[in-house]
Each structure stands twice: as structure tokens, then as C-alpha cells.
Amino acid sequence: MELIRKLRGRHAEGRPISVGLVGCGQMGSGLAHTINNIEGMAVCAIADVDVRRGITTFVDMGVPRESIRSAETVSQVQDALRIGCRVVTADAELLTQAEVIEANVEATGVPDVGARIALLSIEHQKPIIMLNVETDITVGAYLSCLARKKGAIYTVASGDEPGVCKMLHEQAVLMGFEVVCLGKCKNNPVNPDATPDQYAEEAARKDMNPKILTSFVDGTKTMVEMAAVSNATGLLPDVPGMHGPKVEVDDLARVFIPKADGGIFSCRGAVDYSTGSFAPGVFAIVYTGDKRIRKDMKFITRADGPYYLHLRPYHLCDIETPQSIAEAVLLGEVTVASEQMHSEVVAVTKRNLKAGEKIAGIGSADIRGVIYPYEQARRQGAVPLGIAAGGVAVTDIPKRSVLTEANFAPNASTFIYDMRKEQDALFGSKGAGR
């Protein structure tokens, strides 16, 4: 790919890739610092509802305070960038319109915001790199389709589990293997009843938003990540919520395989996760029946097969995202994106809901996400997690129930709700294929 050579060329020419960053929380600010250490790339504008976050991030990166400008219009963004200043703004839409910005990274984690910024970036032919997988698993198939039609780039970022799992998938297929499972290791057991109040102190110690930490603990983030993997590859959860056994590295290729061969799966081609000790790693279990390949694998890896482990014992989140930015801008390449809906993350109650109650969204005390095969979710009339926030219970709903069209009314005034309706009309029941 020669990305480094191309980036060094941009640096030598004095025209680094100009990046707009939407959302400057833990992931966004970390990405900004990473890019600050890369020749040929620069964060030139940061949009956040709290502009002080953008200012603080730029100052921490060594940008003089007098070189940071606030902007409320597109022309103010463009004028500031043309004279070499950095820009902060509360209006993320400005970054999608500013011609000087070559690519945007969406890192808010808010599905409704992510959908709007992705759409506007596509309409303005500006590559959009998503560190917002919550948006992707809700309307990513629609956005990918639209981007292809318009000749634009829509992609989930490298570094997060979907990106590194897709990398393992492509490598395995290009080596002639059948991919039996793609998975991740979760660094804690799932607590399906986790609430932000319970984890507020831990979140403060880790400098995290309590809702974000809660979404990790209650399993939602794992469900979201592996749904994105499913939608990009066609692999499915073997059971709703996946199995999630505690398995150590040496046993992965004995557990995450079909039942007929002593494993846990009733199907071939699954997404799943483990709570073993190799977090934050990702893995692929691959298969070959070719005797010659098995002979070579025995010589190279000492493994007998026919199932083999391809392990990447880490993923580095936002620190790896610059690769997706460079691939999108310099090569016109997508890291990972939904091709169609193979899996759905549905909303499941954490507590008893009363009819008429309005609920909060991801990471709240009200709901969590659980992955289902897309066709199964549609048959049940399940409500996608990404459009559940702000909706109202139509009937009394017991704890640990799936929200459905019969018991729950989503907030129909949101941008992502409308986009999801368009996606449903576009794809209908086309999904898993088995």
C-alpha cells in the first residue's frame, strides 16, 4: 500500500491530510494525539458540544492558544484553516461542508449524531471514518449503499474490533481457509443489570463517561462490535447473545468450532466472544480439509488441524484509526462496512417498565443490547437498539424482555429513525441467507 511513503510525500509538500474530528471524548481526544505524531496527517478541526474539550485537546497537543479559532459558520472554518489556525466548533455539520477538510472521523458514540454526520459527509463527497459502531449496526448498510452509489467512502475504523476482525477474515480467505468463527476476548464477565450509578466511581477513576463504561460491562459494546463484524462478513451469532464462554488461548480452536467436532456451534461461520485472559485480543478459527495445506500448517505452526487459530492478541482502538484515514483518502479504500443486515442488536430491558415510561438509551439503567440474527429479530418485530433511546413503553414490559413493535414505540422524531425506515424499505428481509 505504501501509505507511509505517500504520507511522507504529503508532509514534504506541506499539505498533510486535513482531518475533521467529531466528538472529543476519550476516543476522539486520543485519536487527535495519535495523529499529532504522524507525518502527513493533521487534525485541523474539532467539533464537540463542549468546545472546551477541543480547545484543551489542541493545547495539550502543543498548539498555541492564539492559533485556535472558534467557528459558527462554514466560511469561518475555511478562513481559519487557510491561514493555518485550528478550529473548534459546537456545530459538527460545518466539518462536513468545509472544502478544506479532506476526511471526517465520527467519534461521538451517539447513533443519531453519527447517522447525520455520516450522511452529510457522503453527500459532500468527504470520506467518513466511523469510530461510532453504534450508528453502523443501525443504519450502516444504508450508508454503505449510498456511499457506493455516490462514489464516496463510508467505513468503520481500523483498531476497533470490527476492523481487526475483518482484517483476519480477509487474510484467512485469501489463504484459502474457511472462516468458522470470528471472535473477541472481553475483559470482564457480562453483568446484564449494570447501571451507570453502580459504575460511576470506576468511571471517574478511568476518566470515562459512566454510560460508556456501563455499556461495556452490560455486554452491549460486545454485541454491537460483533454485529458489525457479522454485517461485514455474513457470519452469524449461533444463538441470541452469542455463547461467550470463558476460554483460554490454547483451547479456542477446540471450543469455537461445530458441535459435530466437539465444539459449541450448531452452524459453521459464527461470531462470538470469550471472557478468557487474552483481552483485548481478537481471533479467527479457520478450517481446511486440504491435506497438503494441513501438512504445511503442521510444519509451520505445529498445529494438527483441521481447525486453526489465527490470533491477534490486541486491538488498539483509536490509536490504529489513522490507517483507515490514510486508506480512505490516499487509496479510496474501505476498512470495513456493512454489506447488508445479517445481524441486529435489539433492545432488552434491564428493569420492569411501566406503560407510558420514556426510556434512556445505550449504557443506561433501562436497556442493553443483545445480538440476534437479523431475520429472527425481524420475525419478532424487535426494536433495534440504535433507535430505542427516547421511546416510550406502550404496555408494561417485564425485566429482560425484548422491546418489540407491540410493546414499545420508538421516538419517531429522530434523524436515525427516519434513516432506519429507509434502510428497512431498501433491504426488507434480505439478510443472513441461512
Protein backbone atom coordinates (compact mmCIF):
# COMPACT_ATOMS: atom_id res chain seq x y z
CA MET A 1 0.00 0.00 0.00
CA GLU A 2 2.94 2.33 0.65
CA LEU A 3 0.89 4.53 2.93
CA ILE A 4 3.92 5.83 4.80
CA ARG A 5 5.66 6.87 1.59
CA LYS A 6 2.54 8.68 0.41
CA LEU A 7 2.10 10.40 3.79
CA ARG A 8 5.73 11.50 3.85
CA GLY A 9 5.21 12.92 0.39
CA ARG A 10 2.25 14.91 1.63
CA HIS A 11 4.32 16.13 4.56
CA ALA A 12 7.18 17.20 2.30
CA GLU A 13 4.74 19.10 0.10
CA GLY A 14 3.33 20.90 3.14
CA ARG A 15 -0.19 19.55 2.62
CA PRO A 16 -0.93 16.92 5.26
CA ILE A 17 -4.30 15.15 5.16
CA SER A 18 -6.64 17.56 6.93
CA VAL A 19 -8.88 15.68 9.33
CA GLY A 20 -12.08 16.83 10.99
CA LEU A 21 -12.90 15.19 14.32
CA VAL A 22 -16.50 14.93 15.53
CA GLY A 23 -16.61 14.12 19.23
CA CYS A 24 -13.69 14.80 21.56
CA GLY A 25 -14.23 12.38 24.42
CA GLN A 26 -11.85 9.60 25.41
CA MET A 27 -11.59 8.09 21.92
CA GLY A 28 -11.66 11.34 19.99
CA SER A 29 -9.01 13.11 22.05
CA GLY A 30 -6.81 10.00 21.95
CA LEU A 31 -7.08 9.91 18.16
CA ALA A 32 -6.15 13.60 17.93
CA HIS A 33 -2.96 12.98 19.91
CA THR A 34 -2.12 9.94 17.77
CA ILE A 35 -2.49 11.91 14.54
CA ASN A 36 -0.36 14.68 16.05
CA ASN A 37 2.55 12.24 15.98
CA ILE A 38 2.13 11.22 12.32
CA GLU A 39 3.83 12.99 9.43
CA GLY A 40 1.46 13.82 6.59
CA MET A 41 -1.75 14.00 8.61
CA ALA A 42 -3.25 16.62 10.94
CA VAL A 43 -6.44 17.20 12.91
CA CYS A 44 -7.40 20.67 11.79
CA ALA A 45 -10.89 20.98 13.31
CA ILE A 46 -12.71 19.51 16.29
CA ALA A 47 -16.47 19.58 16.78
CA ASP A 48 -17.90 18.84 20.21
CA VAL A 49 -20.96 20.06 22.11
CA ASP A 50 -18.45 21.27 24.69
CA VAL A 51 -15.95 23.31 22.66
CA ARG A 52 -13.66 23.46 25.68
CA ARG A 53 -12.76 19.82 25.05
CA GLY A 54 -11.47 20.70 21.60
CA ILE A 55 -9.51 23.67 22.92
CA THR A 56 -7.96 21.59 25.71
CA THR A 57 -7.00 18.82 23.28
CA PHE A 58 -5.32 21.22 20.85
CA VAL A 59 -3.45 22.97 23.68
CA ASP A 60 -2.32 19.61 25.09
CA MET A 61 -1.01 18.78 21.61
CA GLY A 62 1.16 21.90 21.69
CA VAL A 63 -1.00 24.20 19.55
CA PRO A 64 -0.65 27.83 20.75
CA ARG A 65 -3.92 29.10 22.21
CA GLU A 66 -3.87 32.11 19.88
CA SER A 67 -3.86 29.74 16.88
CA ILE A 68 -7.17 28.13 17.90
CA ARG A 69 -10.30 29.76 16.46
CA SER A 70 -13.95 29.18 17.31
CA ALA A 71 -16.30 28.95 14.33
CA GLU A 72 -20.05 29.16 13.84
CA THR A 73 -20.19 29.17 10.03
CA VAL A 74 -18.56 27.26 7.21
CA SER A 75 -16.79 30.37 5.97
CA GLN A 76 -15.28 30.93 9.42
CA VAL A 77 -13.98 27.35 9.40
CA GLN A 78 -12.49 27.75 5.94
CA ASP A 79 -10.93 31.14 6.62
CA ALA A 80 -9.29 29.95 9.84
CA LEU A 81 -7.89 26.79 8.26
CA ARG A 82 -6.50 28.65 5.25
CA ILE A 83 -4.33 30.81 7.47
CA GLY A 84 -3.04 27.79 9.40
CA CYS A 85 -5.21 28.02 12.51
CA ARG A 86 -7.04 25.13 14.16
CA VAL A 87 -10.81 25.27 14.58
CA VAL A 88 -13.19 24.30 17.36
CA THR A 89 -16.96 24.37 16.97
CA ALA A 90 -20.14 23.08 18.55
CA ASP A 91 -21.69 22.53 15.11
CA ALA A 92 -20.40 19.27 13.66
CA GLU A 93 -22.22 19.81 10.37
CA LEU A 94 -19.75 22.56 9.50
CA LEU A 95 -16.99 19.97 9.21
CA THR A 96 -18.93 18.04 6.58
CA GLN A 97 -19.25 21.16 4.41
CA ALA A 98 -15.80 22.72 4.71
CA GLU A 99 -13.86 22.01 1.50
CA VAL A 100 -10.51 22.37 3.24
CA ILE A 101 -11.24 19.28 5.36
CA GLU A 102 -10.42 16.06 3.47
CA ALA A 103 -11.96 13.47 5.82
CA ASN A 104 -14.07 13.33 8.96
CA VAL A 105 -13.89 10.90 11.86
CA GLU A 106 -17.13 10.42 13.83
CA ALA A 107 -16.34 9.53 17.46
CA THR A 108 -19.41 10.60 19.45
CA GLY A 109 -20.85 7.12 20.04
CA VAL A 110 -24.33 8.65 19.67
CA PRO A 111 -26.29 6.82 16.94
CA ASP A 112 -28.45 9.79 15.91
CA VAL A 113 -25.49 12.16 15.62
CA GLY A 114 -23.40 9.60 13.78
CA ALA A 115 -26.12 8.97 11.21
CA ARG A 116 -26.50 12.66 10.40
CA ILE A 117 -22.77 13.39 10.15
CA ALA A 118 -22.14 10.30 8.03
CA LEU A 119 -24.91 11.20 5.61
CA LEU A 120 -23.76 14.80 5.24
CA SER A 121 -20.15 13.72 4.72
CA ILE A 122 -21.24 11.30 1.99
CA GLU A 123 -23.35 13.98 0.31
CA HIS A 124 -20.33 16.29 0.26
CA GLN A 125 -18.07 13.53 -1.12
CA LYS A 126 -15.94 13.59 2.03
CA PRO A 127 -14.66 10.27 3.42
CA ILE A 128 -16.29 9.45 6.77
CA ILE A 129 -14.47 7.12 9.16
CA MET A 130 -16.68 5.81 11.95
CA LEU A 131 -15.47 5.32 15.50
CA ASN A 132 -19.20 5.11 16.16
CA VAL A 133 -20.10 1.46 15.63
CA GLU A 134 -23.48 2.07 17.29
CA THR A 135 -24.51 4.02 14.20
CA ASP A 136 -23.10 1.41 11.84
CA ILE A 137 -25.06 -1.52 13.26
CA THR A 138 -28.25 0.51 12.99
CA VAL A 139 -28.01 2.16 9.56
CA GLY A 140 -24.56 1.23 8.25
CA ALA A 141 -25.96 -0.92 5.45
CA TYR A 142 -27.91 2.06 4.11
CA LEU A 143 -24.94 4.42 4.44
CA SER A 144 -22.59 1.94 2.73
CA CYS A 145 -25.02 1.52 -0.15
CA LEU A 146 -25.46 5.28 -0.51
CA ALA A 147 -21.70 5.90 -0.40
CA ARG A 148 -21.07 3.37 -3.15
CA LYS A 149 -23.74 4.95 -5.34
CA LYS A 150 -22.26 8.42 -4.85
CA GLY A 151 -18.65 7.33 -5.22
CA ALA A 152 -17.90 8.32 -1.63
CA ILE A 153 -16.15 6.49 1.23
CA TYR A 154 -18.00 5.23 4.31
CA THR A 155 -16.05 2.96 6.64
CA VAL A 156 -15.80 1.76 10.21
CA ALA A 157 -12.34 2.48 11.59
CA SER A 158 -9.46 0.10 11.96
CA GLY A 159 -8.40 -0.51 15.55
CA ASP A 160 -11.83 -1.31 16.91
CA GLU A 161 -12.85 -4.99 16.92
CA PRO A 162 -14.81 -4.87 13.63
CA GLY A 163 -11.80 -3.53 11.75
CA VAL A 164 -9.28 -6.03 13.08
CA CYS A 165 -11.71 -8.95 12.79
CA LYS A 166 -12.38 -8.03 9.16
CA MET A 167 -8.61 -7.97 8.59
CA LEU A 168 -8.30 -11.51 9.99
CA HIS A 169 -11.26 -12.61 7.86
CA GLU A 170 -9.77 -11.28 4.63
CA GLN A 171 -6.35 -12.73 5.37
CA ALA A 172 -7.85 -16.16 6.07
CA VAL A 173 -9.99 -16.19 2.93
CA LEU A 174 -7.01 -15.08 0.85
CA MET A 175 -5.09 -18.09 2.23
CA GLY A 176 -7.85 -20.47 1.15
CA PHE A 177 -9.27 -21.17 4.61
CA GLU A 178 -12.91 -21.41 5.61
CA VAL A 179 -13.61 -18.98 8.46
CA VAL A 180 -15.52 -20.90 11.11
CA CYS A 181 -15.56 -18.18 13.78
CA LEU A 182 -14.53 -14.58 14.30
CA GLY A 183 -14.37 -13.53 17.92
CA LYS A 184 -13.05 -11.18 20.56
CA CYS A 185 -11.98 -11.52 24.15
CA LYS A 186 -13.98 -9.47 26.62
CA ASN A 187 -12.03 -8.36 29.67
CA ASN A 188 -14.85 -8.86 32.16
CA PRO A 189 -17.88 -11.15 32.60
CA VAL A 190 -21.18 -9.66 31.45
CA ASN A 191 -23.32 -8.04 34.14
CA PRO A 192 -26.65 -7.62 32.32
CA ASP A 193 -28.08 -5.45 35.11
CA ALA A 194 -25.23 -2.90 35.24
CA THR A 195 -26.24 0.73 35.74
CA PRO A 196 -24.30 4.00 35.46
CA ASP A 197 -24.73 4.68 39.18
CA GLN A 198 -23.09 1.36 40.06
CA TYR A 199 -20.03 2.17 37.93
CA ALA A 200 -19.76 5.93 38.46
CA GLU A 201 -16.75 5.68 40.79
CA GLU A 202 -14.86 3.31 38.48
CA ALA A 203 -15.67 5.51 35.51
CA ALA A 204 -14.28 8.54 37.31
CA ARG A 205 -11.03 6.67 38.06
CA LYS A 206 -10.71 5.73 34.41
CA ASP A 207 -11.71 9.18 33.14
CA MET A 208 -14.70 7.65 31.34
CA ASN A 209 -18.34 8.54 30.89
CA PRO A 210 -20.29 6.22 33.27
CA LYS A 211 -22.73 5.30 30.50
CA ILE A 212 -19.91 4.23 28.22
CA LEU A 213 -18.38 2.07 30.94
CA THR A 214 -21.81 0.59 31.67
CA SER A 215 -22.24 -0.33 28.01
CA PHE A 216 -19.02 -2.33 28.23
CA VAL A 217 -19.99 -4.09 31.44
CA ASP A 218 -23.55 -4.99 30.44
CA GLY A 219 -22.28 -6.54 27.20
CA THR A 220 -23.81 -4.00 24.82
CA LYS A 221 -20.49 -2.94 23.27
CA THR A 222 -19.52 -6.54 22.60
CA MET A 223 -22.89 -7.17 20.93
CA VAL A 224 -22.51 -4.01 18.83
CA GLU A 225 -18.95 -4.81 17.77
CA MET A 226 -19.68 -8.38 16.76
CA ALA A 227 -22.86 -7.35 14.93
CA ALA A 228 -20.71 -5.02 12.82
CA VAL A 229 -18.39 -7.96 12.12
CA SER A 230 -21.39 -10.09 11.18
CA ASN A 231 -22.82 -7.48 8.83
CA ALA A 232 -19.47 -7.06 7.10
CA THR A 233 -18.73 -10.78 6.67
CA GLY A 234 -22.02 -12.71 6.74
CA LEU A 235 -21.06 -14.73 9.82
CA LEU A 236 -23.93 -15.05 12.33
CA PRO A 237 -24.41 -15.39 16.09
CA ASP A 238 -25.01 -19.07 16.76
CA VAL A 239 -27.55 -18.16 19.46
CA PRO A 240 -29.03 -14.79 20.50
CA GLY A 241 -26.45 -13.00 22.64
CA MET A 242 -23.73 -15.44 21.48
CA HIS A 243 -22.27 -18.10 23.78
CA GLY A 244 -19.49 -16.11 25.48
CA PRO A 245 -17.71 -18.94 27.32
CA LYS A 246 -14.54 -18.40 29.31
CA VAL A 247 -11.87 -19.97 27.12
CA GLU A 248 -8.11 -19.59 27.19
CA VAL A 249 -5.97 -19.27 24.08
CA ASP A 250 -4.88 -22.90 23.87
CA ASP A 251 -8.49 -24.10 23.77
CA LEU A 252 -10.01 -21.60 21.34
CA ALA A 253 -9.66 -23.90 18.31
CA ARG A 254 -11.29 -26.74 20.27
CA VAL A 255 -14.27 -24.76 21.58
CA PHE A 256 -15.28 -22.29 18.86
CA ILE A 257 -16.00 -25.00 16.26
CA PRO A 258 -19.07 -27.07 15.28
CA LYS A 259 -20.65 -29.46 17.80
CA ALA A 260 -20.01 -32.36 15.43
CA ASP A 261 -16.29 -31.86 16.06
CA GLY A 262 -16.58 -31.30 19.81
CA GLY A 263 -17.25 -27.56 19.86
CA ILE A 264 -20.21 -25.35 20.76
CA PHE A 265 -21.65 -24.22 17.42
CA SER A 266 -24.68 -25.63 15.65
CA CYS A 267 -23.63 -23.78 12.49
CA ARG A 268 -20.46 -23.04 10.56
CA GLY A 269 -19.47 -19.39 10.29
CA ALA A 270 -20.21 -17.66 13.60
CA VAL A 271 -19.35 -14.56 15.57
CA ASP A 272 -18.81 -14.95 19.30
CA TYR A 273 -16.68 -13.84 22.25
CA SER A 274 -14.73 -15.22 25.17
CA THR A 275 -14.01 -13.91 28.65
CA GLY A 276 -10.58 -15.53 28.80
CA SER A 277 -7.37 -13.82 29.87
CA PHE A 278 -6.14 -12.63 26.47
CA ALA A 279 -8.23 -9.45 26.34
CA PRO A 280 -8.23 -7.21 24.36
CA GLY A 281 -7.38 -9.73 21.66
CA VAL A 282 -9.38 -10.87 18.64
CA PHE A 283 -9.23 -14.20 16.87
CA ALA A 284 -10.32 -16.26 13.89
CA ILE A 285 -10.87 -20.00 13.88
CA VAL A 286 -10.28 -21.30 10.38
CA TYR A 287 -10.61 -24.68 8.68
CA THR A 288 -9.10 -26.56 5.77
CA GLY A 289 -9.71 -30.08 4.54
CA ASP A 290 -6.81 -29.88 2.09
CA LYS A 291 -4.25 -32.47 3.16
CA ARG A 292 -1.34 -30.59 1.60
CA ILE A 293 -2.25 -27.36 3.38
CA ARG A 294 -2.61 -29.29 6.64
CA LYS A 295 0.86 -30.75 6.09
CA ASP A 296 2.29 -27.27 5.55
CA MET A 297 0.46 -25.91 8.60
CA LYS A 298 1.86 -28.74 10.71
CA PHE A 299 5.37 -27.85 9.56
CA ILE A 300 4.90 -24.09 10.04
CA THR A 301 2.75 -23.92 13.17
CA ARG A 302 2.99 -27.45 14.67
CA ALA A 303 -0.81 -27.49 14.83
CA ASP A 304 -2.56 -30.66 13.66
CA GLY A 305 -5.74 -29.01 12.36
CA PRO A 306 -8.09 -29.18 10.59
CA TYR A 307 -9.11 -26.16 12.73
CA TYR A 308 -6.51 -23.45 13.31
CA LEU A 309 -6.29 -20.35 15.45
CA HIS A 310 -5.31 -17.00 13.94
CA LEU A 311 -4.79 -14.74 16.94
CA ARG A 312 -4.21 -11.02 17.19
CA PRO A 313 -3.66 -10.53 20.93
CA TYR A 314 -4.51 -6.83 20.88
CA HIS A 315 -6.55 -4.13 19.23
CA LEU A 316 -5.58 -0.53 19.83
CA CYS A 317 -8.84 1.32 19.22
CA ASP A 318 -8.35 4.96 18.19
CA ILE A 319 -4.56 4.55 18.01
CA GLU A 320 -4.99 2.43 14.87
CA THR A 321 -7.63 4.64 13.26
CA PRO A 322 -5.13 6.76 11.22
CA GLN A 323 -4.61 3.75 8.95
CA SER A 324 -8.28 3.91 7.93
CA ILE A 325 -8.00 7.65 7.34
CA ALA A 326 -4.95 7.19 5.11
CA GLU A 327 -6.51 4.29 3.20
CA ALA A 328 -9.70 6.26 2.59
CA VAL A 329 -8.03 9.49 1.46
CA LEU A 330 -4.96 8.17 -0.36
CA LEU A 331 -6.30 4.90 -1.77
CA GLY A 332 -10.08 5.25 -1.78
CA GLU A 333 -10.27 2.06 0.30
CA VAL A 334 -12.83 0.96 2.88
CA THR A 335 -11.61 -0.81 6.03
CA VAL A 336 -14.91 -2.44 6.98
CA ALA A 337 -18.54 -1.64 6.25
CA SER A 338 -21.88 -3.44 6.34
CA GLU A 339 -22.82 -5.06 3.06
CA GLN A 340 -26.33 -5.94 4.25
CA MET A 341 -28.06 -6.81 7.50
CA HIS A 342 -27.01 -10.22 8.76
CA SER A 343 -27.32 -9.40 12.48
CA GLU A 344 -29.34 -6.97 14.57
CA VAL A 345 -28.65 -5.65 18.06
CA VAL A 346 -32.04 -5.50 19.74
CA ALA A 347 -33.00 -3.58 22.87
CA VAL A 348 -33.63 -5.67 26.00
CA THR A 349 -34.96 -4.28 29.28
CA LYS A 350 -32.82 -4.17 32.40
CA ARG A 351 -35.77 -3.45 34.69
CA ASN A 352 -39.55 -3.63 34.71
CA LEU A 353 -41.01 -0.84 32.59
CA LYS A 354 -44.44 0.67 33.13
CA ALA A 355 -46.68 1.65 30.25
CA GLY A 356 -46.01 5.29 29.37
CA GLU A 357 -42.41 5.30 30.66
CA LYS A 358 -39.84 7.03 28.46
CA ILE A 359 -36.52 5.23 28.38
CA ALA A 360 -32.89 6.25 28.09
CA GLY A 361 -30.52 4.64 25.60
CA ILE A 362 -27.21 2.80 25.44
CA GLY A 363 -25.41 2.48 28.78
CA SER A 364 -28.47 3.47 30.81
CA ALA A 365 -30.26 1.66 33.63
CA ASP A 366 -33.16 0.93 31.26
CA ILE A 367 -31.90 -1.21 28.37
CA ARG A 368 -28.95 -3.12 26.98
CA GLY A 369 -28.18 -4.57 23.57
CA VAL A 370 -28.32 -8.24 22.56
CA ILE A 371 -27.25 -9.56 19.15
CA TYR A 372 -29.76 -11.63 17.14
CA PRO A 373 -29.70 -13.00 13.60
CA TYR A 374 -31.38 -10.28 11.55
CA GLU A 375 -34.17 -12.45 10.18
CA GLN A 376 -35.05 -13.73 13.66
CA ALA A 377 -35.16 -10.17 15.01
CA ARG A 378 -37.46 -9.09 12.18
CA ARG A 379 -39.83 -12.01 12.76
CA GLN A 380 -40.15 -10.97 16.41
CA GLY A 381 -40.70 -7.33 15.50
CA ALA A 382 -37.71 -6.46 17.70
CA VAL A 383 -36.73 -2.81 18.10
CA PRO A 384 -33.15 -2.04 17.04
CA LEU A 385 -31.04 -0.75 19.93
CA GLY A 386 -29.94 2.29 17.93
CA ILE A 387 -33.46 3.75 17.70
CA ALA A 388 -34.66 2.87 21.21
CA ALA A 389 -33.45 5.93 23.13
CA GLY A 390 -36.27 8.35 23.93
CA GLY A 391 -39.00 5.86 23.07
CA VAL A 392 -41.98 5.00 25.25
CA ALA A 393 -43.28 1.69 26.64
CA VAL A 394 -46.75 1.04 25.21
CA THR A 395 -47.51 -1.73 27.71
CA ASP A 396 -45.98 -2.91 30.97
CA ILE A 397 -42.77 -4.72 29.98
CA PRO A 398 -41.04 -7.20 32.32
CA LYS A 399 -37.33 -7.09 33.02
CA ARG A 400 -35.14 -8.89 30.45
CA SER A 401 -37.76 -8.64 27.71
CA VAL A 402 -37.06 -7.72 24.10
CA LEU A 403 -38.59 -4.40 23.09
CA THR A 404 -40.89 -5.01 20.14
CA GLU A 405 -43.24 -3.11 17.87
CA ALA A 406 -46.10 -4.48 20.02
CA ASN A 407 -44.89 -3.24 23.40
CA PHE A 408 -42.77 -0.19 22.58
CA ALA A 409 -42.91 2.97 20.47
CA PRO A 410 -39.55 4.43 19.37
CA ASN A 411 -39.07 8.18 19.16
CA ALA A 412 -40.13 8.78 15.55
CA SER A 413 -38.83 12.35 15.53
CA THR A 414 -35.15 11.38 15.39
CA PHE A 415 -32.98 11.51 12.28
CA ILE A 416 -31.78 7.93 12.68
CA TYR A 417 -35.35 6.64 12.98
CA ASP A 418 -36.16 8.04 9.53
CA MET A 419 -32.93 6.66 8.08
CA ARG A 420 -33.63 3.23 9.56
CA LYS A 421 -37.06 3.24 7.90
CA GLU A 422 -35.36 3.96 4.58
CA GLN A 423 -32.90 1.13 5.21
CA ASP A 424 -35.73 -1.30 6.02
CA ALA A 425 -37.50 -0.32 2.82
CA LEU A 426 -34.28 -0.81 0.85
CA PHE A 427 -33.25 -4.18 2.28
CA GLY A 428 -36.54 -5.63 3.51
CA SER A 429 -35.98 -9.10 4.88
CA LYS A 430 -32.77 -9.70 2.92
CA GLY A 431 -30.31 -10.82 5.49
CA ALA A 432 -28.47 -13.79 6.80
CA GLY A 433 -29.05 -16.24 4.00
CA ARG A 434 -29.48 -19.23 6.29
